[in-house]
């Protein structure tokens, strides 16, 4: 082995001998008694310092019971070499409570601490105090991870029928239709009543006597008389007939004529 190789080995050994020891991960204080606290109320906070063995991201803080909660912390969202977690005691029932708080990072557990407290009964309620002044609004917390998509909900019931809409405006008048086909020819009317025969005209003068066989003796034809005036209207007649038997067993028809209106 040459001198140069021996010198390198000596430098490595010296570096390892004098290098600082790696920092151990821890959560302090290692245990804490929160004392008496009425059931259902929130006690004062206790601060815990988290020191990982190297820069890391704190991924979670869990408790073995529901009697403790994290009120605030400076450990989430980025790489840390030291951060602080504040814990409060919220007893769920009366009696002694013992729990374990576990702090985790991406590599595993950073550390655990023991938590103790005593849940007591609530004191009698006193008179309501004066309302305090509203505190200053805190800073907005970090945005949480997006939750899983929920299941599709059931189909809702059919809604009620809506009110009838307003009647629309009257549309424009349509085009005039074609003329219809001519109607059928009506039946002929009833024939009127025939009037009575007028009176006869005056009798012509008697011609000269002569032999009827003599053409020269035959006188000229007389003039046609004037047409007489129309006679009065006729009367309606009601004719009632009946069939009767004679003494010889023959049938005969007997009709009675009665005028419905007198002149």
C-alpha atoms as a PDB file:
ATOM      1  CA  UNK A   1       0.000   0.000   0.000  1.00  0.00           C
ATOM      2  CA  UNK A   2       1.504   3.330  -0.996  1.00  0.00           C
ATOM      3  CA  UNK A   3       1.708   6.383   1.223  1.00  0.00           C
ATOM      4  CA  UNK A   4      -1.035   8.272  -0.655  1.00  0.00           C
ATOM      5  CA  UNK A   5      -3.644   5.576   0.023  1.00  0.00           C
ATOM      6  CA  UNK A   6      -2.669   5.411   3.702  1.00  0.00           C
ATOM      7  CA  UNK A   7      -3.121   9.187   3.994  1.00  0.00           C
ATOM      8  CA  UNK A   8      -6.655   9.000   2.549  1.00  0.00           C
ATOM      9  CA  UNK A   9      -7.684   6.287   5.015  1.00  0.00           C
ATOM     10  CA  UNK A  10      -6.361   8.360   7.937  1.00  0.00           C
ATOM     11  CA  UNK A  11      -8.439  11.383   6.799  1.00  0.00           C
ATOM     12  CA  UNK A  12     -11.623   9.302   6.599  1.00  0.00           C
ATOM     13  CA  UNK A  13     -11.121   7.872  10.078  1.00  0.00           C
ATOM     14  CA  UNK A  14     -10.454  11.320  11.509  1.00  0.00           C
ATOM     15  CA  UNK A  15     -13.648  12.734   9.930  1.00  0.00           C
ATOM     16  CA  UNK A  16     -15.767   9.933  11.342  1.00  0.00           C
ATOM     17  CA  UNK A  17     -14.246  10.304  14.775  1.00  0.00           C
ATOM     18  CA  UNK A  18     -14.888  14.036  15.096  1.00  0.00           C
ATOM     19  CA  UNK A  19     -18.260  14.325  13.165  1.00  0.00           C
ATOM     20  CA  UNK A  20     -21.234  15.423  15.357  1.00  0.00           C
ATOM     21  CA  UNK A  21     -23.730  12.702  16.287  1.00  0.00           C
ATOM     22  CA  UNK A  22     -27.109  12.646  14.395  1.00  0.00           C
ATOM     23  CA  UNK A  23     -29.941  14.367  16.233  1.00  0.00           C
ATOM     24  CA  UNK A  24     -32.548  11.945  17.645  1.00  0.00           C
ATOM     25  CA  UNK A  25     -36.230  12.603  16.824  1.00  0.00           C
ATOM     26  CA  UNK A  26     -38.292  13.718  19.846  1.00  0.00           C
ATOM     27  CA  UNK A  27     -41.555  15.259  21.105  1.00  0.00           C
ATOM     28  CA  UNK A  28     -41.341  17.210  24.348  1.00  0.00           C
ATOM     29  CA  UNK A  29     -42.542  17.226  27.011  1.00  0.00           C
ATOM     30  CA  UNK A  30     -42.768  13.442  27.055  1.00  0.00           C
ATOM     31  CA  UNK A  31     -45.848  13.470  29.299  1.00  0.00           C
ATOM     32  CA  UNK A  32     -48.289  15.989  30.761  1.00  0.00           C
ATOM     33  CA  UNK A  33     -51.214  15.930  33.197  1.00  0.00           C
ATOM     34  CA  UNK A  34     -54.005  18.279  32.104  1.00  0.00           C
ATOM     35  CA  UNK A  35     -55.680  18.105  35.521  1.00  0.00           C
ATOM     36  CA  UNK A  36     -59.393  18.370  36.213  1.00  0.00           C
ATOM     37  CA  UNK A  37     -61.709  19.492  33.438  1.00  0.00           C
ATOM     38  CA  UNK A  38     -65.562  19.462  33.367  1.00  0.00           C
ATOM     39  CA  UNK A  39     -67.052  16.961  30.919  1.00  0.00           C
ATOM     40  CA  UNK A  40     -67.881  18.443  27.511  1.00  0.00           C
ATOM     41  CA  UNK A  41     -65.746  21.565  27.975  1.00  0.00           C
ATOM     42  CA  UNK A  42     -62.404  22.453  26.380  1.00  0.00           C
ATOM     43  CA  UNK A  43     -59.418  22.890  28.642  1.00  0.00           C
ATOM     44  CA  UNK A  44     -56.382  25.160  28.218  1.00  0.00           C
ATOM     45  CA  UNK A  45     -53.812  24.291  25.562  1.00  0.00           C
ATOM     46  CA  UNK A  46     -50.482  22.574  26.210  1.00  0.00           C
ATOM     47  CA  UNK A  47     -47.631  23.172  23.725  1.00  0.00           C
ATOM     48  CA  UNK A  48     -45.452  20.310  22.473  1.00  0.00           C
ATOM     49  CA  UNK A  49     -42.217  20.787  20.542  1.00  0.00           C
ATOM     50  CA  UNK A  50     -41.619  18.339  17.688  1.00  0.00           C
ATOM     51  CA  UNK A  51     -37.988  17.825  16.630  1.00  0.00           C
ATOM     52  CA  UNK A  52     -37.452  15.309  13.780  1.00  0.00           C
ATOM     53  CA  UNK A  53     -33.995  13.808  13.163  1.00  0.00           C
ATOM     54  CA  UNK A  54     -33.831  15.681   9.827  1.00  0.00           C
ATOM     55  CA  UNK A  55     -35.849  18.127   7.828  1.00  0.00           C
ATOM     56  CA  UNK A  56     -39.155  16.393   7.067  1.00  0.00           C
ATOM     57  CA  UNK A  57     -42.875  16.942   6.540  1.00  0.00           C
ATOM     58  CA  UNK A  58     -45.141  16.075   9.455  1.00  0.00           C
ATOM     59  CA  UNK A  59     -47.987  13.978   8.023  1.00  0.00           C
ATOM     60  CA  UNK A  60     -50.255  13.480  11.014  1.00  0.00           C
ATOM     61  CA  UNK A  61     -51.030  13.688  14.727  1.00  0.00           C
ATOM     62  CA  UNK A  62     -53.262  10.992  16.260  1.00  0.00           C
ATOM     63  CA  UNK A  63     -54.660  10.252  19.742  1.00  0.00           C
ATOM     64  CA  UNK A  64     -55.590   6.910  21.252  1.00  0.00           C
ATOM     65  CA  UNK A  65     -58.867   8.358  22.655  1.00  0.00           C
ATOM     66  CA  UNK A  66     -61.321  11.116  21.665  1.00  0.00           C
ATOM     67  CA  UNK A  67     -60.616  13.114  24.843  1.00  0.00           C
ATOM     68  CA  UNK A  68     -57.834  15.234  23.255  1.00  0.00           C
ATOM     69  CA  UNK A  69     -57.597  17.415  20.159  1.00  0.00           C
ATOM     70  CA  UNK A  70     -55.075  19.618  18.330  1.00  0.00           C
ATOM     71  CA  UNK A  71     -56.069  23.287  18.642  1.00  0.00           C
ATOM     72  CA  UNK A  72     -53.231  24.625  16.433  1.00  0.00           C
ATOM     73  CA  UNK A  73     -49.835  23.655  15.004  1.00  0.00           C
ATOM     74  CA  UNK A  74     -46.959  24.940  12.895  1.00  0.00           C
ATOM     75  CA  UNK A  75     -45.959  21.542  11.548  1.00  0.00           C
ATOM     76  CA  UNK A  76     -48.018  21.092   8.387  1.00  0.00           C
ATOM     77  CA  UNK A  77     -47.473  21.960   4.754  1.00  0.00           C
ATOM     78  CA  UNK A  78     -43.657  22.126   4.410  1.00  0.00           C
ATOM     79  CA  UNK A  79     -40.316  20.644   5.508  1.00  0.00           C
ATOM     80  CA  UNK A  80     -39.549  21.420   9.162  1.00  0.00           C
ATOM     81  CA  UNK A  81     -36.669  20.809  11.535  1.00  0.00           C
ATOM     82  CA  UNK A  82     -38.714  21.903  14.538  1.00  0.00           C
ATOM     83  CA  UNK A  83     -42.372  22.847  15.023  1.00  0.00           C
ATOM     84  CA  UNK A  84     -44.991  23.229  17.732  1.00  0.00           C
ATOM     85  CA  UNK A  85     -48.303  21.430  18.369  1.00  0.00           C
ATOM     86  CA  UNK A  86     -50.876  22.713  20.878  1.00  0.00           C
ATOM     87  CA  UNK A  87     -53.192  20.150  22.482  1.00  0.00           C
ATOM     88  CA  UNK A  88     -56.372  20.624  24.547  1.00  0.00           C
ATOM     89  CA  UNK A  89     -58.154  18.257  26.948  1.00  0.00           C
ATOM     90  CA  UNK A  90     -61.869  17.655  26.147  1.00  0.00           C
ATOM     91  CA  UNK A  91     -63.120  14.881  28.486  1.00  0.00           C
ATOM     92  CA  UNK A  92     -66.051  12.850  27.190  1.00  0.00           C
ATOM     93  CA  UNK A  93     -66.962  11.295  30.562  1.00  0.00           C
ATOM     94  CA  UNK A  94     -66.144  11.717  34.258  1.00  0.00           C
ATOM     95  CA  UNK A  95     -63.113   9.906  35.629  1.00  0.00           C
ATOM     96  CA  UNK A  96     -59.416   9.522  34.960  1.00  0.00           C
ATOM     97  CA  UNK A  97     -58.265   9.574  31.327  1.00  0.00           C
ATOM     98  CA  UNK A  98     -54.960   8.235  29.929  1.00  0.00           C
ATOM     99  CA  UNK A  99     -54.053   8.534  26.261  1.00  0.00           C
ATOM    100  CA  UNK A 100     -51.124   8.513  23.841  1.00  0.00           C
ATOM    101  CA  UNK A 101     -50.374  11.158  21.196  1.00  0.00           C
ATOM    102  CA  UNK A 102     -48.396   9.961  18.168  1.00  0.00           C
ATOM    103  CA  UNK A 103     -46.645  12.319  15.713  1.00  0.00           C
ATOM    104  CA  UNK A 104     -45.815  10.886  12.272  1.00  0.00           C
ATOM    105  CA  UNK A 105     -43.785  11.931   9.241  1.00  0.00           C
ATOM    106  CA  UNK A 106     -43.268  10.329   5.844  1.00  0.00           C
ATOM    107  CA  UNK A 107     -40.633   7.923   7.230  1.00  0.00           C
ATOM    108  CA  UNK A 108     -42.678   6.744  10.224  1.00  0.00           C
ATOM    109  CA  UNK A 109     -43.250   7.827  13.833  1.00  0.00           C
ATOM    110  CA  UNK A 110     -41.376  10.900  15.055  1.00  0.00           C
ATOM    111  CA  UNK A 111     -42.352  10.301  18.657  1.00  0.00           C
ATOM    112  CA  UNK A 112     -45.105   9.635  21.191  1.00  0.00           C
ATOM    113  CA  UNK A 113     -46.087  11.287  24.477  1.00  0.00           C
ATOM    114  CA  UNK A 114     -48.344  10.280  27.353  1.00  0.00           C
ATOM    115  CA  UNK A 115     -51.396  12.425  28.153  1.00  0.00           C
ATOM    116  CA  UNK A 116     -53.456  12.248  31.350  1.00  0.00           C
ATOM    117  CA  UNK A 117     -56.382  14.175  32.771  1.00  0.00           C
ATOM    118  CA  UNK A 118     -59.471  13.857  34.929  1.00  0.00           C
ATOM    119  CA  UNK A 119     -63.038  14.477  33.717  1.00  0.00           C
ATOM    120  CA  UNK A 120     -65.277  16.073  36.346  1.00  0.00           C
ATOM    121  CA  UNK A 121     -69.004  16.757  36.511  1.00  0.00           C
ATOM    122  CA  UNK A 122     -70.190  20.119  35.283  1.00  0.00           C
ATOM    123  CA  UNK A 123     -70.795  22.666  38.048  1.00  0.00           C
ATOM    124  CA  UNK A 124     -74.280  24.152  38.475  1.00  0.00           C
ATOM    125  CA  UNK A 125     -74.953  26.651  35.744  1.00  0.00           C
ATOM    126  CA  UNK A 126     -74.619  30.224  36.943  1.00  0.00           C
ATOM    127  CA  UNK A 127     -76.241  33.338  35.558  1.00  0.00           C
ATOM    128  CA  UNK A 128     -75.401  34.191  32.000  1.00  0.00           C
ATOM    129  CA  UNK A 129     -72.480  36.556  31.771  1.00  0.00           C
ATOM    130  CA  UNK A 130     -72.167  39.655  29.696  1.00  0.00           C
ATOM    131  CA  UNK A 131     -71.434  38.922  26.085  1.00  0.00           C
ATOM    132  CA  UNK A 132     -67.780  39.430  25.324  1.00  0.00           C
ATOM    133  CA  UNK A 133     -66.322  41.471  22.533  1.00  0.00           C
ATOM    134  CA  UNK A 134     -66.052  39.609  19.264  1.00  0.00           C
ATOM    135  CA  UNK A 135     -62.525  38.400  18.688  1.00  0.00           C
ATOM    136  CA  UNK A 136     -60.394  39.172  15.686  1.00  0.00           C
ATOM    137  CA  UNK A 137     -60.975  36.840  12.780  1.00  0.00           C
ATOM    138  CA  UNK A 138     -58.274  34.227  12.533  1.00  0.00           C
ATOM    139  CA  UNK A 139     -56.206  33.537   9.479  1.00  0.00           C
ATOM    140  CA  UNK A 140     -57.617  31.222   6.875  1.00  0.00           C
ATOM    141  CA  UNK A 141     -56.500  27.641   7.332  1.00  0.00           C
ATOM    142  CA  UNK A 142     -54.709  25.589   4.725  1.00  0.00           C
ATOM    143  CA  UNK A 143     -56.831  24.149   1.950  1.00  0.00           C
ATOM    144  CA  UNK A 144     -57.731  20.547   2.685  1.00  0.00           C
ATOM    145  CA  UNK A 145     -57.395  17.669   0.286  1.00  0.00           C
ATOM    146  CA  UNK A 146     -60.217  17.146  -2.156  1.00  0.00           C
ATOM    147  CA  UNK A 147     -62.677  14.602  -0.817  1.00  0.00           C
ATOM    148  CA  UNK A 148     -63.856  11.533  -2.678  1.00  0.00           C
ATOM    149  CA  UNK A 149     -66.816  11.920  -4.975  1.00  0.00           C
ATOM    150  CA  UNK A 150     -70.035  11.070  -3.167  1.00  0.00           C
ATOM    151  CA  UNK A 151     -72.503   8.434  -4.305  1.00  0.00           C
ATOM    152  CA  UNK A 152     -75.192   9.467  -6.713  1.00  0.00           C
ATOM    153  CA  UNK A 153     -78.328  10.528  -4.856  1.00  0.00           C
ATOM    154  CA  UNK A 154     -81.754   9.007  -5.341  1.00  0.00           C
ATOM    155  CA  UNK A 155     -83.993  10.468  -7.985  1.00  0.00           C
ATOM    156  CA  UNK A 156     -86.214  13.186  -6.560  1.00  0.00           C
ATOM    157  CA  UNK A 157     -90.000  13.121  -6.611  1.00  0.00           C
ATOM    158  CA  UNK A 158     -91.783  14.612  -9.582  1.00  0.00           C
ATOM    159  CA  UNK A 159     -92.474  18.288  -9.048  1.00  0.00           C
ATOM    160  CA  UNK A 160     -95.942  19.853  -9.123  1.00  0.00           C
ATOM    161  CA  UNK A 161     -97.335  20.964 -12.462  1.00  0.00           C
ATOM    162  CA  UNK A 162     -96.437  24.555 -13.174  1.00  0.00           C
ATOM    163  CA  UNK A 163     -99.012  27.294 -13.654  1.00  0.00           C
ATOM    164  CA  UNK A 164    -100.507  27.668 -17.115  1.00  0.00           C
ATOM    165  CA  UNK A 165     -98.626  30.138 -19.263  1.00  0.00           C
ATOM    166  CA  UNK A 166    -100.080  33.384 -20.557  1.00  0.00           C
ATOM    167  CA  UNK A 167    -102.089  33.010 -23.751  1.00  0.00           C
ATOM    168  CA  UNK A 168    -100.096  34.075 -26.763  1.00  0.00           C
ATOM    169  CA  UNK A 169    -101.106  36.875 -29.110  1.00  0.00           C
ATOM    170  CA  UNK A 170    -103.670  36.212 -31.852  1.00  0.00           C
ATOM    171  CA  UNK A 171    -101.972  35.120 -35.050  1.00  0.00           C
ATOM    172  CA  UNK A 172    -102.556  36.797 -38.445  1.00  0.00           C
ATOM    173  CA  UNK A 173    -105.721  35.954 -40.330  1.00  0.00           C
ATOM    174  CA  UNK A 174    -105.364  33.059 -42.739  1.00  0.00           C
ATOM    175  CA  UNK A 175    -105.850  33.274 -46.511  1.00  0.00           C
ATOM    176  CA  UNK A 176    -109.396  33.179 -47.882  1.00  0.00           C
ATOM    177  CA  UNK A 177    -110.372  29.648 -48.838  1.00  0.00           C
ATOM    178  CA  UNK A 178    -111.601  28.565 -52.268  1.00  0.00           C
ATOM    179  CA  UNK A 179    -115.385  28.933 -52.889  1.00  0.00           C
ATOM    180  CA  UNK A 180    -117.407  25.857 -52.051  1.00  0.00           C
ATOM    181  CA  UNK A 181    -119.168  23.699 -54.606  1.00  0.00           C
ATOM    182  CA  UNK A 182    -122.714  24.862 -55.617  1.00  0.00           C
ATOM    183  CA  UNK A 183    -125.502  23.307 -53.623  1.00  0.00           C
ATOM    184  CA  UNK A 184    -127.918  20.777 -55.070  1.00  0.00           C
ATOM    185  CA  UNK A 185    -131.005  22.087 -56.978  1.00  0.00           C
ATOM    186  CA  UNK A 186    -134.054  22.331 -54.723  1.00  0.00           C
ATOM    187  CA  UNK A 187    -137.286  20.438 -55.340  1.00  0.00           C
ATOM    188  CA  UNK A 188    -139.974  22.279 -57.413  1.00  0.00           C
ATOM    189  CA  UNK A 189    -142.630  24.069 -55.386  1.00  0.00           C
ATOM    190  CA  UNK A 190    -146.270  22.835 -55.132  1.00  0.00           C
ATOM    191  CA  UNK A 191    -148.645  23.810 -57.970  1.00  0.00           C
ATOM    192  CA  UNK A 192    -151.010  26.670 -57.207  1.00  0.00           C
ATOM    193  CA  UNK A 193    -154.787  26.227 -56.910  1.00  0.00           C
ATOM    194  CA  UNK A 194    -156.663  26.536 -60.217  1.00  0.00           C
ATOM    195  CA  UNK A 195    -159.107  29.492 -60.297  1.00  0.00           C
ATOM    196  CA  UNK A 196    -162.799  29.148 -61.091  1.00  0.00           C
ATOM    197  CA  UNK A 197    -163.958  29.507 -64.659  1.00  0.00           C
ATOM    198  CA  UNK A 198    -165.099  33.052 -65.492  1.00  0.00           C
ATOM    199  CA  UNK A 199    -168.668  33.823 -66.654  1.00  0.00           C
ATOM    200  CA  UNK A 200    -169.590  33.256 -70.278  1.00  0.00           C
ATOM    201  CA  UNK A 201    -169.512  36.213 -72.671  1.00  0.00           C
ATOM    202  CA  UNK A 202    -172.799  37.695 -74.114  1.00  0.00           C
ATOM    203  CA  UNK A 203    -174.502  35.726 -76.810  1.00  0.00           C
ATOM    204  CA  UNK A 204    -173.950  37.055 -80.352  1.00  0.00           C
ATOM    205  CA  UNK A 205    -176.722  38.355 -82.625  1.00  0.00           C
ATOM    206  CA  UNK A 206    -178.655  35.811 -84.568  1.00  0.00           C
ATOM    207  CA  UNK A 207    -177.775  35.698 -88.259  1.00  0.00           C
ATOM    208  CA  UNK A 208    -180.144  35.832 -91.224  1.00  0.00           C
ATOM    209  CA  UNK A 209    -182.007  32.650 -91.851  1.00  0.00           C
ATOM    210  CA  UNK A 210    -180.755  30.803 -94.786  1.00  0.00           C
ATOM    211  CA  UNK A 211    -180.136  27.384 -95.923  1.00  0.00           C
ATOM    212  CA  UNK A 212    -177.323  25.858 -94.202  1.00  0.00           C
ATOM    213  CA  UNK A 213    -176.250  24.227 -97.408  1.00  0.00           C
ATOM    214  CA  UNK A 214    -175.863  27.534 -99.159  1.00  0.00           C
ATOM    215  CA  UNK A 215    -172.415  28.930 -98.720  1.00  0.00           C
ATOM    216  CA  UNK A 216    -173.434  32.350 -99.835  1.00  0.00           C
ATOM    217  CA  UNK A 217    -176.108  32.475 -97.189  1.00  0.00           C
ATOM    218  CA  UNK A 218    -173.750  31.760 -94.309  1.00  0.00           C
ATOM    219  CA  UNK A 219    -173.070  34.969 -92.436  1.00  0.00           C
ATOM    220  CA  UNK A 220    -169.661  36.080 -91.117  1.00  0.00           C
ATOM    221  CA  UNK A 221    -168.304  34.632 -87.893  1.00  0.00           C
ATOM    222  CA  UNK A 222    -169.115  36.666 -84.869  1.00  0.00           C
ATOM    223  CA  UNK A 223    -166.461  38.447 -82.847  1.00  0.00           C
ATOM    224  CA  UNK A 224    -164.958  36.689 -79.837  1.00  0.00           C
ATOM    225  CA  UNK A 225    -166.415  37.883 -76.623  1.00  0.00           C
ATOM    226  CA  UNK A 226    -164.309  39.606 -73.933  1.00  0.00           C
ATOM    227  CA  UNK A 227    -162.717  37.507 -71.230  1.00  0.00           C
ATOM    228  CA  UNK A 228    -164.805  37.607 -68.134  1.00  0.00           C
ATOM    229  CA  UNK A 229    -163.518  38.640 -64.709  1.00  0.00           C
ATOM    230  CA  UNK A 230    -161.970  36.004 -62.500  1.00  0.00           C
ATOM    231  CA  UNK A 231    -164.436  34.483 -60.171  1.00  0.00           C
ATOM    232  CA  UNK A 232    -164.077  34.512 -56.390  1.00  0.00           C
ATOM    233  CA  UNK A 233    -161.618  32.047 -54.834  1.00  0.00           C
ATOM    234  CA  UNK A 234    -162.909  28.593 -54.197  1.00  0.00           C
ATOM    235  CA  UNK A 235    -163.527  27.166 -50.750  1.00  0.00           C
ATOM    236  CA  UNK A 236    -161.528  24.367 -49.158  1.00  0.00           C
ATOM    237  CA  UNK A 237    -163.529  21.222 -48.883  1.00  0.00           C
ATOM    238  CA  UNK A 238    -163.173  18.577 -46.163  1.00  0.00           C
ATOM    239  CA  UNK A 239    -164.238  15.180 -47.454  1.00  0.00           C
ATOM    240  CA  UNK A 240    -164.851  12.384 -44.931  1.00  0.00           C
ATOM    241  CA  UNK A 241    -165.578   8.913 -46.248  1.00  0.00           C
ATOM    242  CA  UNK A 242    -166.548   5.684 -44.536  1.00  0.00           C
ATOM    243  CA  UNK A 243    -167.237   2.159 -45.705  1.00  0.00           C
ATOM    244  CA  UNK A 244    -170.581   0.635 -44.780  1.00  0.00           C
ATOM    245  CA  UNK A 245    -172.346  -2.639 -45.575  1.00  0.00           C
ATOM    246  CA  UNK A 246    -175.708  -2.794 -47.278  1.00  0.00           C
ATOM    247  CA  UNK A 247    -178.561  -5.025 -46.243  1.00  0.00           C
ATOM    248  CA  UNK A 248    -177.431  -7.457 -48.915  1.00  0.00           C
ATOM    249  CA  UNK A 249    -173.956  -7.687 -47.413  1.00  0.00           C
ATOM    250  CA  UNK A 250    -172.372  -5.463 -50.046  1.00  0.00           C
ATOM    251  CA  UNK A 251    -169.958  -2.682 -49.159  1.00  0.00           C
ATOM    252  CA  UNK A 252    -170.572   0.910 -50.034  1.00  0.00           C
ATOM    253  CA  UNK A 253    -168.589   4.072 -49.548  1.00  0.00           C
ATOM    254  CA  UNK A 254    -170.384   7.079 -48.054  1.00  0.00           C
ATOM    255  CA  UNK A 255    -168.558  10.451 -48.320  1.00  0.00           C
ATOM    256  CA  UNK A 256    -169.531  13.722 -46.670  1.00  0.00           C
ATOM    257  CA  UNK A 257    -168.307  17.034 -48.128  1.00  0.00           C
ATOM    258  CA  UNK A 258    -167.984  20.048 -45.800  1.00  0.00           C
ATOM    259  CA  UNK A 259    -166.566  23.418 -46.792  1.00  0.00           C
ATOM    260  CA  UNK A 260    -164.016  24.754 -44.366  1.00  0.00           C
ATOM    261  CA  UNK A 261    -164.711  28.457 -44.991  1.00  0.00           C
ATOM    262  CA  UNK A 262    -167.876  30.278 -46.031  1.00  0.00           C
ATOM    263  CA  UNK A 263    -168.024  32.972 -48.680  1.00  0.00           C
END
